[in-house]
N, C-alpha and C. Protein backbone atom coordinates (compact mmCIF):
# COMPACT_ATOMS: atom_id res chain seq x y z
N MET A 1 0.86 -1.20 -0.02
CA MET A 1 -0.01 0.10 0.01
C MET A 1 0.98 1.29 0.01
N ALA A 2 2.02 1.20 0.73
CA ALA A 2 2.92 2.40 0.73
C ALA A 2 3.50 2.66 -0.69
N ILE A 3 3.69 1.79 -1.42
CA ILE A 3 4.33 1.79 -2.74
C ILE A 3 3.24 2.65 -3.57
N GLN A 4 2.07 2.12 -3.54
CA GLN A 4 1.04 2.68 -4.22
C GLN A 4 0.87 4.25 -3.85
N GLU A 5 0.83 4.58 -2.62
CA GLU A 5 0.71 6.02 -2.19
C GLU A 5 1.97 6.72 -2.67
N ASN A 6 3.22 6.28 -2.63
CA ASN A 6 4.40 6.89 -3.04
C ASN A 6 4.17 7.18 -4.71
N ASN A 7 3.65 6.26 -5.38
CA ASN A 7 3.64 6.53 -6.81
C ASN A 7 2.46 7.69 -7.03
N ILE A 8 1.57 7.58 -6.35
CA ILE A 8 0.49 8.81 -6.38
C ILE A 8 1.11 10.06 -6.20
N ASN A 9 1.86 10.06 -4.95
CA ASN A 9 2.62 11.36 -4.64
C ASN A 9 3.66 11.88 -5.82
N LEU A 10 4.22 10.86 -6.35
CA LEU A 10 5.09 11.27 -7.56
C LEU A 10 4.37 11.79 -8.75
N ILE A 11 3.20 10.99 -9.01
CA ILE A 11 2.51 11.59 -9.99
C ILE A 11 1.94 12.91 -9.86
N LEU A 12 1.29 13.25 -8.64
CA LEU A 12 0.81 14.49 -8.25
C LEU A 12 2.18 15.62 -8.43
N LYS A 13 3.16 15.32 -7.86
CA LYS A 13 4.36 16.08 -8.10
C LYS A 13 4.73 16.45 -9.45
N ASN A 14 4.68 15.48 -10.15
CA ASN A 14 4.92 15.59 -11.69
C ASN A 14 3.91 16.41 -12.46
N ILE A 15 2.69 16.25 -12.06
CA ILE A 15 1.61 17.11 -12.69
C ILE A 15 1.86 18.57 -12.17
N GLY A 16 2.23 18.79 -10.85
CA GLY A 16 2.23 20.17 -10.40
C GLY A 16 3.49 20.66 -11.10
N GLU A 17 4.55 20.21 -11.30
CA GLU A 17 5.75 20.59 -12.00
C GLU A 17 5.30 21.14 -13.34
N ARG A 18 4.53 20.28 -13.99
CA ARG A 18 4.09 20.53 -15.43
C ARG A 18 3.11 21.84 -15.54
N LEU A 19 2.32 21.86 -14.38
CA LEU A 19 1.42 23.08 -14.25
C LEU A 19 2.28 24.32 -14.01
N GLN A 20 3.30 24.17 -13.33
CA GLN A 20 4.17 25.26 -13.00
C GLN A 20 4.94 25.82 -14.28
N VAL A 21 5.43 24.95 -15.07
CA VAL A 21 6.17 25.32 -16.32
C VAL A 21 5.07 25.95 -17.16
N LEU A 22 3.94 25.55 -17.18
CA LEU A 22 2.77 26.12 -18.13
C LEU A 22 2.55 27.54 -17.64
N ARG A 23 2.32 27.76 -16.31
CA ARG A 23 2.15 29.13 -15.73
C ARG A 23 3.19 29.96 -15.97
N GLU A 24 4.51 29.69 -15.81
CA GLU A 24 5.56 30.40 -16.13
C GLU A 24 5.86 30.77 -17.47
N ALA A 25 5.41 29.83 -18.45
CA ALA A 25 5.49 30.16 -19.79
C ALA A 25 4.34 31.15 -20.29
N HIS A 26 3.33 31.25 -19.56
CA HIS A 26 2.22 32.21 -19.73
C HIS A 26 2.23 33.40 -18.79
N PHE A 27 3.33 34.03 -18.63
CA PHE A 27 3.50 35.00 -17.76
C PHE A 27 2.53 36.25 -17.81
N HIS A 28 1.88 36.30 -18.86
CA HIS A 28 0.80 37.34 -18.94
C HIS A 28 -0.40 37.13 -18.14
N PHE A 29 -0.45 35.94 -17.62
CA PHE A 29 -1.64 35.55 -16.72
C PHE A 29 -1.03 35.63 -15.25
N SER A 30 -1.85 36.38 -14.39
CA SER A 30 -1.61 36.29 -13.01
C SER A 30 -1.98 34.96 -12.47
N LEU A 31 -1.36 34.66 -11.22
CA LEU A 31 -1.85 33.45 -10.58
C LEU A 31 -3.33 33.57 -10.18
N ASP A 32 -3.86 34.73 -9.83
CA ASP A 32 -5.23 34.81 -9.54
C ASP A 32 -5.97 34.64 -10.83
N ASP A 33 -5.67 35.22 -11.89
CA ASP A 33 -6.26 35.03 -13.17
C ASP A 33 -6.49 33.42 -13.55
N ILE A 34 -5.43 32.74 -13.45
CA ILE A 34 -5.43 31.42 -13.76
C ILE A 34 -6.36 30.69 -12.82
N ALA A 35 -6.28 30.92 -11.66
CA ALA A 35 -7.17 30.10 -10.72
C ALA A 35 -8.65 30.45 -10.89
N PHE A 36 -9.03 31.89 -11.13
CA PHE A 36 -10.19 32.20 -11.28
C PHE A 36 -10.80 31.69 -12.54
N LYS A 37 -10.09 31.65 -13.73
CA LYS A 37 -10.51 31.18 -14.99
C LYS A 37 -10.78 29.65 -14.81
N ALA A 38 -9.86 28.92 -13.93
CA ALA A 38 -10.03 27.45 -13.87
C ALA A 38 -11.10 27.25 -12.90
N GLY A 39 -11.75 28.06 -12.05
CA GLY A 39 -12.67 27.81 -11.07
C GLY A 39 -12.35 27.41 -9.80
N MET A 40 -11.11 27.88 -9.27
CA MET A 40 -10.58 27.49 -7.96
C MET A 40 -9.96 28.66 -7.30
N THR A 41 -9.45 28.60 -6.20
CA THR A 41 -8.80 29.68 -5.40
C THR A 41 -7.38 29.63 -5.77
N SER A 42 -6.71 30.66 -5.54
CA SER A 42 -5.27 30.77 -5.82
C SER A 42 -4.51 29.84 -5.04
N SER A 43 -4.97 29.61 -3.65
CA SER A 43 -4.27 28.66 -2.73
C SER A 43 -4.35 27.34 -3.21
N GLU A 44 -5.58 27.01 -3.70
CA GLU A 44 -5.82 25.67 -4.37
C GLU A 44 -4.94 25.39 -5.57
N TYR A 45 -4.83 26.33 -6.34
CA TYR A 45 -3.99 26.14 -7.53
C TYR A 45 -2.43 26.11 -7.16
N ILE A 46 -1.87 26.72 -6.22
CA ILE A 46 -0.60 26.56 -5.73
C ILE A 46 -0.50 25.30 -4.94
N ALA A 47 -1.37 24.84 -4.21
CA ALA A 47 -1.32 23.46 -3.57
C ALA A 47 -1.22 22.40 -4.63
N TYR A 48 -1.79 22.48 -5.83
CA TYR A 48 -1.94 21.54 -7.00
C TYR A 48 -0.50 21.61 -7.57
N GLU A 49 0.02 22.83 -7.70
CA GLU A 49 1.39 22.99 -8.39
C GLU A 49 2.44 22.41 -7.41
N ASN A 50 2.21 22.55 -6.20
CA ASN A 50 3.23 21.92 -5.26
C ASN A 50 3.00 20.56 -4.92
N GLY A 51 2.01 19.92 -5.55
CA GLY A 51 1.82 18.43 -5.32
C GLY A 51 1.25 18.23 -3.88
N LYS A 52 0.73 19.19 -3.33
CA LYS A 52 0.39 19.13 -1.88
C LYS A 52 -1.05 18.77 -1.68
N LYS A 53 -1.85 18.81 -2.80
CA LYS A 53 -3.35 18.50 -2.64
C LYS A 53 -3.66 17.74 -4.03
N ASP A 54 -4.41 16.76 -3.79
CA ASP A 54 -4.97 15.85 -4.98
C ASP A 54 -5.78 16.66 -5.87
N ILE A 55 -5.38 16.61 -7.10
CA ILE A 55 -6.19 17.38 -8.06
C ILE A 55 -6.94 16.33 -9.02
N THR A 56 -8.14 16.63 -9.36
CA THR A 56 -9.00 15.76 -10.13
C THR A 56 -8.64 15.89 -11.63
N LEU A 57 -9.13 15.01 -12.42
CA LEU A 57 -8.75 15.12 -13.71
C LEU A 57 -9.58 16.51 -14.18
N LYS A 58 -10.83 16.66 -13.78
CA LYS A 58 -11.44 17.97 -14.29
C LYS A 58 -10.66 19.21 -13.79
N GLY A 59 -10.07 19.28 -12.78
CA GLY A 59 -9.23 20.32 -12.29
C GLY A 59 -8.08 20.49 -13.37
N VAL A 60 -7.40 19.35 -13.73
CA VAL A 60 -6.25 19.56 -14.70
C VAL A 60 -6.82 20.06 -16.05
N LEU A 61 -8.00 19.44 -16.37
CA LEU A 61 -8.52 19.83 -17.76
C LEU A 61 -9.00 21.28 -17.69
N ASP A 62 -9.53 21.72 -16.47
CA ASP A 62 -9.93 23.16 -16.42
C ASP A 62 -8.64 24.15 -16.51
N ILE A 63 -7.55 23.78 -15.94
CA ILE A 63 -6.28 24.57 -15.96
C ILE A 63 -5.81 24.53 -17.43
N LEU A 64 -5.68 23.30 -18.04
CA LEU A 64 -5.14 23.28 -19.41
C LEU A 64 -6.08 24.23 -20.29
N ASP A 65 -7.22 24.25 -20.06
CA ASP A 65 -8.37 25.04 -21.06
C ASP A 65 -7.80 26.48 -20.77
N VAL A 66 -7.48 26.87 -19.58
CA VAL A 66 -6.99 28.31 -19.37
C VAL A 66 -5.80 28.73 -20.34
N PHE A 67 -4.93 27.60 -20.49
CA PHE A 67 -3.77 27.71 -21.26
C PHE A 67 -3.87 27.39 -22.61
N SER A 68 -5.05 26.99 -22.96
CA SER A 68 -5.41 26.64 -24.38
C SER A 68 -4.28 25.32 -24.86
N VAL A 69 -4.15 24.45 -23.80
CA VAL A 69 -3.26 23.35 -24.08
C VAL A 69 -4.17 22.06 -24.11
N GLU A 70 -3.92 21.20 -25.12
CA GLU A 70 -4.67 19.93 -25.24
C GLU A 70 -4.16 18.99 -24.22
N PRO A 71 -4.97 18.15 -23.72
CA PRO A 71 -4.63 17.20 -22.80
C PRO A 71 -3.50 16.21 -23.24
N ALA A 72 -3.71 15.82 -24.62
CA ALA A 72 -2.69 14.95 -25.41
C ALA A 72 -1.43 15.54 -25.20
N ASP A 73 -1.27 16.81 -25.41
CA ASP A 73 0.12 17.52 -25.33
C ASP A 73 0.69 17.46 -23.86
N PHE A 74 -0.18 17.76 -23.02
CA PHE A 74 0.11 17.85 -21.65
C PHE A 74 0.59 16.48 -21.21
N PHE A 75 0.01 15.46 -21.47
CA PHE A 75 0.33 14.07 -20.89
C PHE A 75 1.12 13.23 -21.84
N SER A 76 1.59 13.89 -23.07
CA SER A 76 2.19 13.07 -24.10
C SER A 76 3.32 12.13 -23.72
N ASP A 77 4.10 12.68 -22.95
CA ASP A 77 5.28 11.76 -22.41
C ASP A 77 5.23 11.40 -20.92
N PHE A 78 4.10 11.53 -20.42
CA PHE A 78 3.68 11.42 -19.02
C PHE A 78 3.96 10.05 -18.56
N LEU A 79 3.37 9.13 -19.11
CA LEU A 79 3.37 7.63 -18.91
C LEU A 79 4.81 7.21 -19.04
N THR A 80 5.45 7.44 -20.15
CA THR A 80 6.87 7.13 -20.34
C THR A 80 7.82 7.65 -19.15
N SER A 81 7.54 8.85 -18.74
CA SER A 81 8.40 9.33 -17.75
C SER A 81 8.18 8.68 -16.46
N GLN A 82 7.00 8.35 -16.14
CA GLN A 82 6.62 7.67 -14.94
C GLN A 82 7.16 6.25 -14.86
N ILE A 83 7.07 5.51 -16.03
CA ILE A 83 7.63 4.29 -16.03
C ILE A 83 9.23 4.27 -15.94
N ASP A 84 10.00 5.30 -16.57
CA ASP A 84 11.25 5.33 -16.41
C ASP A 84 11.85 5.75 -15.18
N ASP A 85 11.09 6.45 -14.48
CA ASP A 85 11.57 6.89 -12.95
C ASP A 85 11.65 5.71 -12.08
């Protein structure tokens, strides 16, 4: 069970890191703008970026929509990187 929880934490951390890269690449959006457009609070968004809070698939999709990023592009190498780690 601990291994599974560790894997989940790694996945959440990886998603958060990818979200942070997107936010930094879209510097014309403030953190508050991103959170508002994605339907969440700024503190929730930061918790997702930091991997401190579980994010739903809908939450990821809402954020990707703010950045006009397709889910396939966001997750394109995700499974491969998780397997290699």
